[in-house]
Protein backbone atom coordinates (compact mmCIF):
# COMPACT_ATOMS: atom_id res chain seq x y z
CA MET A 1 0.00 0.00 0.00
CA PRO A 2 2.69 2.62 0.83
CA ASP A 3 4.56 1.69 -2.36
CA THR A 4 1.42 2.17 -4.42
CA TYR A 5 0.78 5.53 -2.78
CA ILE A 6 4.32 6.74 -3.43
CA LYS A 7 4.14 5.59 -7.06
CA THR A 8 0.89 7.51 -7.46
CA ILE A 9 2.53 10.64 -6.03
CA TRP A 10 5.47 10.34 -8.41
CA ARG A 11 3.17 9.75 -11.37
CA ASN A 12 1.07 12.79 -10.48
CA ALA A 13 4.21 14.82 -9.90
CA ALA A 14 5.52 13.88 -13.34
CA GLU A 15 2.21 14.83 -14.95
CA HIS A 16 2.18 18.22 -13.22
CA ILE A 17 5.81 18.87 -14.08
CA VAL A 18 5.15 18.21 -17.78
CA LEU A 19 2.08 20.45 -17.66
CA GLU A 20 3.97 23.26 -15.93
CA ILE A 21 6.83 23.01 -18.41
CA ARG A 22 4.36 23.53 -21.21
CA MET A 23 2.60 26.39 -19.47
CA ARG A 24 5.40 28.39 -17.87
CA SER A 25 8.41 29.92 -19.60
CA ALA A 26 10.27 30.44 -16.30
CA LEU A 27 10.26 26.71 -15.64
CA ARG A 28 11.56 26.04 -19.13
CA VAL A 29 14.55 28.22 -18.27
CA LEU A 30 15.19 26.12 -15.15
CA ILE A 31 15.03 22.90 -17.17
CA LEU A 32 17.45 24.38 -19.70
CA MET A 33 19.87 25.08 -16.84
CA GLY A 34 19.58 21.42 -15.84
CA ILE A 35 20.27 20.25 -19.40
CA LEU A 36 23.40 22.40 -19.47
CA GLY A 37 24.64 20.32 -16.56
CA VAL A 38 25.18 17.29 -18.78
CA ILE A 39 26.61 19.03 -21.86
CA PRO A 40 30.30 18.09 -22.25
CA ALA A 41 32.42 20.88 -20.85
CA ALA A 42 35.19 22.66 -22.69
CA GLY A 43 37.43 21.83 -19.76
CA PHE A 44 37.42 20.89 -16.12
CA GLY A 45 38.21 23.13 -13.21
CA GLU A 46 39.66 22.03 -9.90
CA ALA A 47 37.06 23.63 -7.62
CA ILE A 48 34.64 20.64 -7.57
CA GLN A 49 35.69 17.04 -8.16
CA LYS A 50 34.56 13.47 -7.64
CA GLY A 51 34.44 12.62 -3.93
CA ASP A 52 33.70 16.18 -2.80
CA MET A 53 30.96 16.88 -0.26
CA LEU A 54 29.23 20.21 -0.86
CA PHE A 55 27.30 22.04 1.87
CA THR A 56 25.01 24.90 0.84
CA PRO A 57 22.95 27.18 3.08
CA ARG A 58 20.48 29.10 0.91
CA ALA A 59 17.61 31.53 1.08
CA GLY A 60 15.26 33.11 -1.42
CA TYR A 61 11.84 33.72 -2.83
CA SER A 62 8.97 31.20 -2.99
CA ASN A 63 6.00 31.48 -5.34
CA VAL A 64 2.83 29.40 -5.04
CA ARG A 65 1.38 28.10 -8.31
CA GLY A 66 -1.91 26.54 -9.34
CA ILE A 67 -5.16 26.62 -7.46
CA TYR A 68 -3.57 27.67 -4.17
CA GLU A 69 -2.10 30.74 -5.82
CA GLU A 70 -5.42 32.53 -5.17
CA GLN A 71 -5.17 31.87 -1.43
CA LEU A 72 -1.48 32.30 -0.64
CA LYS A 73 0.84 35.21 -1.27
CA ASP A 74 4.41 34.83 -2.41
CA GLY A 75 6.70 33.94 0.46
CA HIS A 76 10.22 33.13 1.51
CA VAL A 77 12.33 30.00 1.74
CA ALA A 78 15.50 29.05 3.57
CA GLY A 79 17.34 25.77 3.76
CA LEU A 80 20.49 23.69 3.96
CA SER A 81 21.51 21.03 1.47
CA PHE A 82 24.44 18.78 0.77
CA ARG A 83 25.61 16.93 -2.31
CA TYR A 84 28.15 14.14 -2.59
CA LEU A 85 29.79 13.56 -5.97
CA VAL A 86 29.86 9.79 -6.44
CA HIS A 87 31.10 10.19 -10.02
CA ASP A 88 32.58 12.93 -12.18
CA ILE A 89 29.07 14.08 -13.12
CA VAL A 90 26.73 12.21 -10.72
CA PHE A 91 25.81 13.34 -7.22
CA LEU A 92 23.59 12.18 -4.40
CA GLY A 93 21.96 14.88 -2.35
CA ALA A 94 19.71 15.65 0.56
CA GLY A 95 18.58 18.65 2.52
CA VAL A 96 16.09 20.44 4.70
CA ASP A 97 14.13 23.59 3.99
CA TYR A 98 11.58 25.94 5.48
CA SER A 99 8.99 27.96 3.55
CA SER A 100 6.37 30.44 4.68
CA TRP A 101 3.46 32.10 2.84
CA LYS A 102 0.94 34.62 4.12
CA LEU A 103 -2.75 34.10 3.35
CA ARG A 104 -4.15 36.72 1.00
CA TYR A 105 -7.20 37.52 3.15
CA SER A 106 -5.24 37.93 6.41
CA GLU A 107 -1.70 39.11 7.15
CA GLU A 108 -1.85 37.29 10.47
CA SER A 109 -2.61 33.92 8.88
CA SER A 110 0.06 31.80 7.25
CA MET A 111 1.02 28.48 5.75
CA ARG A 112 4.37 27.02 6.75
CA SER A 113 6.26 24.07 5.33
CA TYR A 114 9.15 22.10 6.84
CA GLY A 115 10.71 19.78 4.29
CA LEU A 116 13.18 16.92 4.21
CA TYR A 117 14.31 15.60 0.84
CA GLY A 118 16.79 13.27 -0.80
CA GLY A 119 17.71 12.21 -4.31
CA GLY A 120 20.35 12.72 -6.93
CA GLY A 121 21.30 14.43 -10.14
CA LEU A 122 24.00 15.47 -12.56
CA MET A 123 26.70 18.16 -12.37
CA LYS A 124 29.49 19.01 -14.77
CA GLY A 125 32.02 21.81 -15.10
CA VAL A 126 31.63 24.14 -18.06
CA SER A 127 34.59 26.35 -18.92
CA PHE A 128 34.30 29.87 -20.24
CA PHE A 129 37.76 31.03 -21.25
CA SER A 130 39.79 30.32 -18.07
CA TYR A 131 36.78 30.24 -15.70
CA THR A 132 34.80 27.09 -14.87
CA ALA A 133 31.23 27.17 -13.59
CA TYR A 134 29.22 24.10 -12.52
CA PRO A 135 25.63 23.76 -13.76
CA TYR A 136 23.63 20.96 -12.16
CA GLY A 137 20.16 19.49 -12.07
CA GLY A 138 18.51 16.95 -9.77
CA LEU A 139 15.26 15.22 -8.81
CA PHE A 140 14.43 14.54 -5.17
CA TYR A 141 11.79 12.75 -3.10
CA LYS A 142 10.47 15.11 -0.44
CA GLU A 143 8.52 14.74 2.79
CA SER A 144 6.84 17.96 3.94
CA PHE A 145 5.26 18.89 7.24
CA LEU A 146 2.65 21.59 6.54
CA ARG A 147 1.13 23.86 9.16
CA LEU A 148 -1.78 26.21 8.55
CA GLU A 149 -2.48 28.93 11.13
CA THR A 150 -5.54 31.17 10.68
CA ASP A 151 -6.33 34.09 12.96
CA ARG A 152 -9.98 34.46 11.91
CA LEU A 153 -11.01 30.88 12.54
CA GLY A 154 -8.43 30.19 15.18
CA GLU A 155 -7.47 26.99 13.41
CA ASN A 156 -4.11 25.30 13.53
CA LYS A 157 -3.96 22.43 11.05
CA ARG A 158 -1.00 20.11 10.51
CA THR A 159 -0.29 17.39 8.00
CA TYR A 160 2.54 15.34 6.48
CA LYS A 161 2.69 14.99 2.71
CA PRO A 162 5.09 13.25 0.31
CA GLY A 163 6.03 14.94 -2.91
CA ALA A 164 8.70 15.65 -5.47
CA LEU A 165 11.28 18.39 -5.92
CA LEU A 166 13.03 19.33 -9.16
CA ARG A 167 16.07 21.58 -8.83
CA ALA A 168 18.38 23.18 -11.38
CA GLY A 169 21.18 25.55 -10.55
CA ILE A 170 24.71 26.65 -11.19
CA GLU A 171 27.77 27.05 -8.97
CA PHE A 172 30.11 29.99 -9.50
CA PRO A 173 33.43 29.31 -7.68
CA VAL A 174 34.76 32.37 -5.88
CA VAL A 175 37.79 30.75 -4.28
CA ASP A 176 38.88 27.11 -4.27
CA MET A 177 36.66 26.19 -1.32
CA VAL A 178 33.71 28.57 -1.70
CA SER A 179 31.25 29.14 -4.51
CA VAL A 180 28.08 31.16 -4.97
CA GLN A 181 25.04 29.14 -6.04
CA LEU A 182 21.97 30.31 -7.94
CA ALA A 183 19.20 27.70 -8.05
CA GLY A 184 15.59 27.32 -9.12
CA ASP A 185 13.21 24.75 -7.59
CA TYR A 186 9.90 23.31 -8.63
CA SER A 187 8.10 21.25 -5.97
CA ILE A 188 4.77 19.44 -6.01
CA LEU A 189 2.67 17.48 -3.53
CA LYS A 190 -0.96 16.49 -3.01
CA LEU A 191 -2.91 18.68 -0.57
CA SER A 192 -6.66 18.08 -0.10
CA ASP A 193 -6.65 16.05 -3.32
CA ARG A 194 -5.26 19.02 -5.20
CA SER A 195 -1.78 19.73 -6.45
CA PHE A 196 0.14 22.16 -4.26
CA THR A 197 2.97 23.44 -6.43
CA THR A 198 5.63 26.06 -5.75
CA THR A 199 8.55 27.55 -7.62
CA ARG A 200 11.51 29.00 -5.78
CA LEU A 201 14.55 31.03 -6.67
CA THR A 202 17.36 30.89 -4.13
CA LEU A 203 20.83 32.22 -3.63
CA GLY A 204 23.32 30.23 -1.58
CA VAL A 205 26.94 29.89 -0.58
CA THR A 206 28.51 26.46 -1.08
CA PHE A 207 31.37 25.24 1.08
CA ASN A 208 33.61 22.46 -0.23
CA PRO A 209 35.95 20.92 2.40
CA GLY A 210 37.52 18.69 -0.27
CA ALA A 211 38.61 21.71 -2.29
CA PHE A 212 40.03 23.24 0.88
CA SER A 213 42.19 20.13 1.41
CA ARG A 214 43.40 20.29 -2.19
CA TRP A 215 44.08 24.01 -1.84
CA ARG A 216 46.09 23.40 1.31
CA GLU A 217 48.14 20.65 -0.35
CA THR A 218 48.69 22.80 -3.45
CA LYS A 219 49.69 25.71 -1.27
CA ARG A 220 52.18 23.50 0.56
CA GLU A 221 53.73 22.42 -2.74
CA LEU A 222 53.81 26.00 -4.01
CA ASP A 223 55.34 27.15 -0.73
CA GLU A 224 58.10 24.57 -1.11
CA GLU A 225 58.78 25.78 -4.65
CA LYS A 226 58.76 29.41 -3.52
CA LEU A 227 61.00 28.59 -0.57
CA GLU A 228 63.57 26.96 -2.83
CA MET A 229 63.36 29.87 -5.27
CA PHE A 230 63.80 32.53 -2.55
CA MET A 231 66.62 30.53 -0.93
CA THR A 232 68.56 30.11 -4.18
CA ARG A 233 68.05 33.75 -5.09
CA GLY A 234 69.17 34.87 -1.62
CA ILE A 235 72.34 32.77 -1.70
CA ASN A 236 73.30 34.10 -5.13
CA GLN A 237 72.68 37.68 -4.05
CA PHE A 238 74.64 37.18 -0.83
CA ALA A 239 77.59 35.86 -2.83
CA ALA A 240 77.32 38.84 -5.20
CA GLY A 241 77.39 41.32 -2.33
CA GLU A 242 73.75 42.40 -2.80
CA ILE A 243 73.12 42.17 0.89
CA ASP A 244 69.82 44.05 1.12
CA SER A 245 68.24 42.02 -1.69
CA ALA A 246 69.57 38.82 -0.10
CA LYS A 247 68.02 39.81 3.22
CA ARG A 248 64.61 40.29 1.60
CA ASN A 249 64.73 36.83 0.03
CA PHE A 250 65.85 35.12 3.24
CA SER A 251 63.03 36.95 5.03
CA MET A 252 60.59 35.45 2.50
CA VAL A 253 62.02 32.01 3.22
CA LEU A 254 61.45 32.53 6.94
CA SER A 255 57.91 33.75 6.32
CA LEU A 256 57.22 30.36 4.71
CA ASP A 257 59.27 28.35 7.22
CA LYS A 258 60.10 30.22 10.41
CA ASP A 259 62.48 27.43 11.53
CA HIS A 260 64.57 27.28 8.34
CA GLN A 261 68.08 26.95 9.82
CA GLU A 262 70.06 27.82 6.70
CA ALA A 263 68.10 31.03 6.15
CA GLU A 264 68.48 31.90 9.83
CA GLY A 265 72.25 31.40 9.48
CA TYR A 266 72.44 33.78 6.53
CA MET A 267 70.31 36.33 8.38
CA ARG A 268 72.76 36.24 11.30
CA GLN A 269 75.68 36.77 8.91
CA ILE A 270 73.88 39.66 7.26
CA SER A 271 73.22 41.23 10.64
CA GLN A 272 76.93 40.93 11.55
CA ILE A 273 78.02 42.35 8.17
CA LYS A 274 75.68 45.32 8.50
CA SER A 275 76.94 45.94 12.02
CA THR A 276 80.57 45.80 10.84
CA TYR A 277 79.82 48.14 7.95
CA GLN A 278 78.19 50.68 10.26
CA ARG A 279 81.16 50.51 12.64
CA ALA A 280 83.53 51.11 9.70
CA LYS A 281 81.51 54.13 8.60
CA ASP A 282 81.70 55.55 12.13
CA LEU A 283 85.50 55.06 12.20
CA ALA A 284 85.85 56.72 8.78
CA SER A 285 83.84 59.70 9.97
CA GLU A 286 86.26 59.97 12.92
CA GLU A 287 89.22 59.78 10.44
CA HIS A 288 90.38 56.40 11.73
CA TYR A 289 90.88 55.33 8.15
CA TYR A 290 93.22 52.41 8.72
CA GLN A 291 90.83 50.68 11.16
CA ALA A 292 87.86 51.48 8.89
CA ILE A 293 89.45 49.91 5.81
CA THR A 294 90.58 46.89 7.82
CA LEU A 295 86.97 46.23 8.86
CA LEU A 296 85.65 46.89 5.38
CA ASN A 297 88.13 44.46 3.83
CA SER A 298 86.66 41.70 6.01
CA ILE A 299 83.14 42.17 4.56
CA LYS A 300 83.65 43.58 1.05
CA GLY A 301 83.03 40.17 -0.53
CA ASN A 302 79.45 40.22 0.77
CA HIS A 303 78.70 43.93 0.85
CA ASN A 304 79.08 45.95 -2.33
CA ASP A 305 78.85 49.25 -0.45
CA ALA A 306 81.98 48.27 1.51
CA ALA A 307 84.09 48.36 -1.66
CA VAL A 308 82.67 51.78 -2.54
CA LEU A 309 83.51 53.13 0.92
CA ILE A 310 87.05 51.70 0.73
CA LYS A 311 87.58 53.49 -2.58
CA ASN A 312 86.34 56.77 -1.12
CA ILE A 313 88.64 56.48 1.90
CA ARG A 314 91.70 55.67 -0.26
CA GLU A 315 91.03 58.75 -2.37
CA LYS A 316 90.99 60.85 0.81
CA VAL A 317 94.34 59.49 2.10
CA ALA A 318 96.14 59.39 -1.27
CA ASP A 319 98.08 62.58 -0.46
CA VAL A 320 99.57 61.17 2.78
CA VAL A 321 100.77 57.87 1.27
CA PRO A 322 104.10 59.22 -0.17
CA GLY A 323 105.05 60.68 3.21
CA LEU A 324 104.30 57.39 4.94
CA VAL A 325 106.46 55.51 2.41
CA GLU A 326 109.41 57.83 3.10
CA GLU A 327 108.89 57.41 6.84
CA GLY A 328 108.87 53.64 6.46
CA ILE A 329 112.07 53.62 4.37
CA ALA A 330 113.77 55.82 6.94
CA ALA A 331 112.80 53.41 9.70
CA TYR A 332 114.23 50.52 7.68
CA ARG A 333 117.56 52.33 7.20
CA GLN A 334 117.66 52.98 10.92
CA LYS A 335 117.19 49.22 11.35
CA ASN A 336 113.89 49.82 13.14
CA TYR A 337 112.25 46.98 11.30
CA GLU A 338 109.21 46.74 13.57
CA LYS A 339 108.32 50.36 12.86
CA CYS A 340 108.96 49.87 9.13
CA ILE A 341 106.60 46.87 9.05
CA THR A 342 103.88 48.82 10.86
CA ILE A 343 104.13 51.84 8.55
CA MET A 344 104.33 49.83 5.34
CA ASP A 345 101.37 47.70 6.42
CA ARG A 346 99.36 50.90 6.81
CA VAL A 347 100.53 52.09 3.37
CA LEU A 348 99.47 48.81 1.76
CA VAL A 349 96.03 49.12 3.34
CA PHE A 350 95.70 52.60 1.85
CA ASP A 351 97.39 51.69 -1.46
CA PRO A 352 97.63 47.93 -2.13
CA GLU A 353 99.50 48.49 -5.42
CA ASN A 354 102.31 50.57 -3.86
CA ARG A 355 105.50 48.82 -5.06
CA MET A 356 107.95 50.48 -2.68
CA ALA A 357 105.82 49.73 0.36
CA ARG A 358 105.58 46.07 -0.64
CA ILE A 359 109.38 45.79 -1.19
CA TYR A 360 110.33 47.34 2.14
CA TYR A 361 107.57 45.53 3.99
CA THR A 362 108.98 42.19 2.76
CA ARG A 363 112.60 43.18 3.48
CA ALA A 364 111.82 44.42 6.98
CA LEU A 365 109.87 41.27 7.77
CA LYS A 366 112.78 39.04 6.66
CA ARG A 367 115.35 41.09 8.64
CA LYS A 368 113.19 40.94 11.73
CA GLU A 369 112.79 37.15 11.44
CA ALA A 370 116.56 36.75 10.93
CA LEU A 371 117.39 38.79 14.03
CA GLU A 372 114.92 36.81 16.09
CA LYS A 373 116.62 33.57 15.04
CA LEU A 374 120.01 34.90 16.12
CA ARG A 375 118.64 35.61 19.57
């Protein structure tokens, strides 16, 4: 008996659906949207895939059709549905919804419906240029709990009715895990031996945990690629003396992996180099040129500005180099080899290509070593 009753409901629902399709242009548009769901797509997107579970809260406008249209005003609908993609284009779905309509003869009277439905349908990605949307269509069995409240008669009637729900819609992905859904519904059930039909237009937001997992995995892979790219770039820039650019790239590495030991090591070196460079600048400003150049020589391989500062200092002291050379030679002739070595070392710091300074520096060093051996 229940099976026969359900078959009768489905048969009546099918008859009413065909009749409504013939009579109403709006419903033909909804059916066309459903047909689009099975047209082969130009390409597949990654937002929705087989195995995904889609959750969609929705709300919208509900319109009563048929004989009850004269008694009920247009109302509102809200609901929550889910779909599980068991195949590339096939889904199973279920959901709950709530609808409310005011009676035309009384604003205080209303009809309310609480529905639970389940069924399945088809969904397929359709690509437009580089964007992929997801049209779908489905047919569902629906159980509805209807409640009529009238203020004039003081009646409160309740009843449970089986019926059918046809839905067509389209998903517009916004980000990998979220899409905006526009859907149209057509539902039908038997109420007092008459067909109670409604059409609904709803807007919803679909959440896709599966896409979020894929996005997270893709992001991890992209982060690894970016990390390697920033690390390689930073090392090359560090070796080329582009210390500020290297610092930016190592900072990007640490933003992706705050415990990256190699990047941390380079950042410590950069900090030490910058500190040494600043100290050398301070010494140069105080005219301690020898000490400044000595510090700069220790970092010039990894700091291009150090070489520039060394050049500037050497230009400043160029006039004093000849006098220092003469003073060093005089010390050598006086057999004060220690003093000669000290002076010529200073000259070579100021002027590395000074031939006389290099000759007397070498001679004084040999004489000093020979005297020490005799002792």
